[in-house]
């Protein structure tokens, strides 16, 4: 009997968990005028990573795209310009800040999850 109660308790967690966290948007969907990139779960909360809906294509380098990436949530208040090279998948950042404090380029990769970059390439390098 204890095993059945335990199993039902565990299964009910999977049922109620989406309601506790809120429904996660699909990658690429529009949320309040921005494009959803990734949901990073942190200690029972989350940080949603978004981008502006308009990618700026470089006139000099047609394979280069620039988007604004931002995150708001429990542990992040990030905003920065992501420059993607669609030919080779490489990227760079400029004008980065976290909670309005400047972030040096060398520290950005420790703040922004790699999934944000991968999803940005999939969405904006078509």
C-alpha atoms as a PDB file:
ATOM      1  CA  UNK A   1       0.000   0.000   0.000  1.00  0.00           C
ATOM      2  CA  UNK A   2       2.840   2.418   0.840  1.00  0.00           C
ATOM      3  CA  UNK A   3       4.373   1.801  -2.594  1.00  0.00           C
ATOM      4  CA  UNK A   4       1.088   2.647  -4.309  1.00  0.00           C
ATOM      5  CA  UNK A   5       0.723   5.888  -2.324  1.00  0.00           C
ATOM      6  CA  UNK A   6       4.322   6.821  -3.107  1.00  0.00           C
ATOM      7  CA  UNK A   7       3.839   6.075  -6.811  1.00  0.00           C
ATOM      8  CA  UNK A   8       0.632   8.147  -6.925  1.00  0.00           C
ATOM      9  CA  UNK A   9       2.359  11.015  -5.129  1.00  0.00           C
ATOM     10  CA  UNK A  10       5.202  11.014  -7.641  1.00  0.00           C
ATOM     11  CA  UNK A  11       2.817  10.812 -10.607  1.00  0.00           C
ATOM     12  CA  UNK A  12       0.725  13.686  -9.256  1.00  0.00           C
ATOM     13  CA  UNK A  13       3.882  15.840  -9.189  1.00  0.00           C
ATOM     14  CA  UNK A  14       4.252  15.360 -12.950  1.00  0.00           C
ATOM     15  CA  UNK A  15       0.614  16.329 -13.418  1.00  0.00           C
ATOM     16  CA  UNK A  16       0.728  19.504 -11.301  1.00  0.00           C
ATOM     17  CA  UNK A  17       4.285  20.644 -12.134  1.00  0.00           C
ATOM     18  CA  UNK A  18       3.320  22.471 -15.379  1.00  0.00           C
ATOM     19  CA  UNK A  19       0.666  24.432 -13.479  1.00  0.00           C
ATOM     20  CA  UNK A  20       3.161  25.464 -10.819  1.00  0.00           C
ATOM     21  CA  UNK A  21       5.772  26.592 -13.346  1.00  0.00           C
ATOM     22  CA  UNK A  22       3.368  27.964 -15.919  1.00  0.00           C
ATOM     23  CA  UNK A  23       3.133  26.666 -19.431  1.00  0.00           C
ATOM     24  CA  UNK A  24       6.441  26.971 -21.241  1.00  0.00           C
ATOM     25  CA  UNK A  25       6.096  28.709 -24.620  1.00  0.00           C
ATOM     26  CA  UNK A  26       7.377  26.975 -27.741  1.00  0.00           C
ATOM     27  CA  UNK A  27      10.740  28.088 -29.080  1.00  0.00           C
ATOM     28  CA  UNK A  28      10.106  30.734 -31.725  1.00  0.00           C
ATOM     29  CA  UNK A  29       6.656  31.699 -30.445  1.00  0.00           C
ATOM     30  CA  UNK A  30       5.722  35.313 -29.804  1.00  0.00           C
ATOM     31  CA  UNK A  31       5.445  36.348 -26.146  1.00  0.00           C
ATOM     32  CA  UNK A  32       4.502  39.960 -25.433  1.00  0.00           C
ATOM     33  CA  UNK A  33       5.995  41.040 -28.765  1.00  0.00           C
ATOM     34  CA  UNK A  34       9.286  39.158 -28.313  1.00  0.00           C
ATOM     35  CA  UNK A  35      10.462  35.786 -29.626  1.00  0.00           C
ATOM     36  CA  UNK A  36      10.836  33.008 -27.041  1.00  0.00           C
ATOM     37  CA  UNK A  37      14.279  31.334 -27.078  1.00  0.00           C
ATOM     38  CA  UNK A  38      14.617  29.253 -23.909  1.00  0.00           C
ATOM     39  CA  UNK A  39      13.359  28.743 -20.345  1.00  0.00           C
ATOM     40  CA  UNK A  40      16.121  28.208 -17.797  1.00  0.00           C
ATOM     41  CA  UNK A  41      14.832  26.612 -14.568  1.00  0.00           C
ATOM     42  CA  UNK A  42      16.421  27.936 -11.371  1.00  0.00           C
ATOM     43  CA  UNK A  43      15.509  26.804  -7.838  1.00  0.00           C
ATOM     44  CA  UNK A  44      11.777  26.378  -8.456  1.00  0.00           C
ATOM     45  CA  UNK A  45      11.650  29.515 -10.617  1.00  0.00           C
ATOM     46  CA  UNK A  46      12.842  30.312 -14.125  1.00  0.00           C
ATOM     47  CA  UNK A  47      14.520  32.822 -16.394  1.00  0.00           C
ATOM     48  CA  UNK A  48      12.904  33.272 -19.800  1.00  0.00           C
ATOM     49  CA  UNK A  49      15.294  34.134 -22.623  1.00  0.00           C
ATOM     50  CA  UNK A  50      13.783  36.218 -25.437  1.00  0.00           C
ATOM     51  CA  UNK A  51      14.883  38.158 -28.496  1.00  0.00           C
ATOM     52  CA  UNK A  52      13.496  41.069 -30.427  1.00  0.00           C
ATOM     53  CA  UNK A  53      11.380  39.930 -33.378  1.00  0.00           C
ATOM     54  CA  UNK A  54      13.430  41.831 -35.973  1.00  0.00           C
ATOM     55  CA  UNK A  55      16.873  40.541 -36.858  1.00  0.00           C
ATOM     56  CA  UNK A  56      19.169  43.147 -38.388  1.00  0.00           C
ATOM     57  CA  UNK A  57      21.054  41.762 -41.374  1.00  0.00           C
ATOM     58  CA  UNK A  58      24.446  43.215 -42.171  1.00  0.00           C
ATOM     59  CA  UNK A  59      24.724  44.905 -45.574  1.00  0.00           C
ATOM     60  CA  UNK A  60      28.466  44.249 -45.723  1.00  0.00           C
ATOM     61  CA  UNK A  61      28.204  40.616 -44.552  1.00  0.00           C
ATOM     62  CA  UNK A  62      24.898  39.061 -45.690  1.00  0.00           C
ATOM     63  CA  UNK A  63      25.539  35.946 -43.576  1.00  0.00           C
ATOM     64  CA  UNK A  64      25.702  38.056 -40.384  1.00  0.00           C
ATOM     65  CA  UNK A  65      22.636  38.774 -38.243  1.00  0.00           C
ATOM     66  CA  UNK A  66      22.270  40.900 -35.104  1.00  0.00           C
ATOM     67  CA  UNK A  67      19.506  40.458 -32.519  1.00  0.00           C
ATOM     68  CA  UNK A  68      18.835  41.794 -29.044  1.00  0.00           C
ATOM     69  CA  UNK A  69      18.738  39.003 -26.454  1.00  0.00           C
ATOM     70  CA  UNK A  70      17.290  39.544 -23.007  1.00  0.00           C
ATOM     71  CA  UNK A  71      16.328  37.537 -19.975  1.00  0.00           C
ATOM     72  CA  UNK A  72      14.103  38.358 -17.065  1.00  0.00           C
ATOM     73  CA  UNK A  73      13.539  36.090 -14.119  1.00  0.00           C
ATOM     74  CA  UNK A  74      14.676  34.897 -10.731  1.00  0.00           C
ATOM     75  CA  UNK A  75      18.444  35.246 -11.232  1.00  0.00           C
ATOM     76  CA  UNK A  76      18.940  37.117 -14.504  1.00  0.00           C
ATOM     77  CA  UNK A  77      18.255  40.589 -15.810  1.00  0.00           C
ATOM     78  CA  UNK A  78      20.424  40.249 -18.913  1.00  0.00           C
ATOM     79  CA  UNK A  79      20.354  42.284 -22.117  1.00  0.00           C
ATOM     80  CA  UNK A  80      22.846  42.262 -24.971  1.00  0.00           C
ATOM     81  CA  UNK A  81      23.335  42.410 -28.727  1.00  0.00           C
ATOM     82  CA  UNK A  82      24.103  38.984 -30.202  1.00  0.00           C
ATOM     83  CA  UNK A  83      25.918  38.978 -33.541  1.00  0.00           C
ATOM     84  CA  UNK A  84      25.575  35.653 -35.361  1.00  0.00           C
ATOM     85  CA  UNK A  85      27.648  34.477 -38.302  1.00  0.00           C
ATOM     86  CA  UNK A  86      25.172  32.205 -40.063  1.00  0.00           C
ATOM     87  CA  UNK A  87      27.835  30.653 -42.299  1.00  0.00           C
ATOM     88  CA  UNK A  88      29.944  29.129 -39.561  1.00  0.00           C
ATOM     89  CA  UNK A  89      27.775  29.357 -36.404  1.00  0.00           C
ATOM     90  CA  UNK A  90      30.210  31.620 -34.587  1.00  0.00           C
ATOM     91  CA  UNK A  91      28.930  34.548 -32.572  1.00  0.00           C
ATOM     92  CA  UNK A  92      29.955  37.582 -30.591  1.00  0.00           C
ATOM     93  CA  UNK A  93      28.343  39.956 -28.090  1.00  0.00           C
ATOM     94  CA  UNK A  94      28.254  43.708 -27.631  1.00  0.00           C
ATOM     95  CA  UNK A  95      26.542  46.102 -25.210  1.00  0.00           C
ATOM     96  CA  UNK A  96      25.956  43.386 -22.590  1.00  0.00           C
ATOM     97  CA  UNK A  97      24.565  44.041 -19.126  1.00  0.00           C
ATOM     98  CA  UNK A  98      23.029  42.085 -16.261  1.00  0.00           C
ATOM     99  CA  UNK A  99      20.673  43.966 -13.925  1.00  0.00           C
ATOM    100  CA  UNK A 100      21.927  47.211 -15.584  1.00  0.00           C
ATOM    101  CA  UNK A 101      25.559  46.424 -14.702  1.00  0.00           C
ATOM    102  CA  UNK A 102      27.986  46.083 -17.644  1.00  0.00           C
ATOM    103  CA  UNK A 103      29.166  42.523 -18.293  1.00  0.00           C
ATOM    104  CA  UNK A 104      32.630  41.990 -19.820  1.00  0.00           C
ATOM    105  CA  UNK A 105      32.581  39.905 -23.015  1.00  0.00           C
ATOM    106  CA  UNK A 106      34.621  37.124 -21.352  1.00  0.00           C
ATOM    107  CA  UNK A 107      31.896  36.658 -18.701  1.00  0.00           C
ATOM    108  CA  UNK A 108      28.852  36.523 -21.008  1.00  0.00           C
ATOM    109  CA  UNK A 109      29.166  32.807 -21.816  1.00  0.00           C
ATOM    110  CA  UNK A 110      28.890  32.077 -18.089  1.00  0.00           C
ATOM    111  CA  UNK A 111      25.574  33.954 -17.941  1.00  0.00           C
ATOM    112  CA  UNK A 112      23.858  33.017 -21.232  1.00  0.00           C
ATOM    113  CA  UNK A 113      22.978  29.312 -21.646  1.00  0.00           C
ATOM    114  CA  UNK A 114      24.337  27.688 -24.831  1.00  0.00           C
ATOM    115  CA  UNK A 115      20.761  26.701 -25.788  1.00  0.00           C
ATOM    116  CA  UNK A 116      19.956  30.398 -26.277  1.00  0.00           C
ATOM    117  CA  UNK A 117      22.689  30.634 -28.941  1.00  0.00           C
ATOM    118  CA  UNK A 118      21.640  27.373 -30.638  1.00  0.00           C
ATOM    119  CA  UNK A 119      17.976  28.388 -30.776  1.00  0.00           C
ATOM    120  CA  UNK A 120      18.900  31.868 -32.070  1.00  0.00           C
ATOM    121  CA  UNK A 121      20.871  30.305 -34.926  1.00  0.00           C
ATOM    122  CA  UNK A 122      17.956  27.982 -35.779  1.00  0.00           C
ATOM    123  CA  UNK A 123      15.445  30.843 -35.802  1.00  0.00           C
ATOM    124  CA  UNK A 124      17.368  33.711 -37.391  1.00  0.00           C
ATOM    125  CA  UNK A 125      19.868  31.986 -39.734  1.00  0.00           C
ATOM    126  CA  UNK A 126      17.458  30.665 -42.349  1.00  0.00           C
END
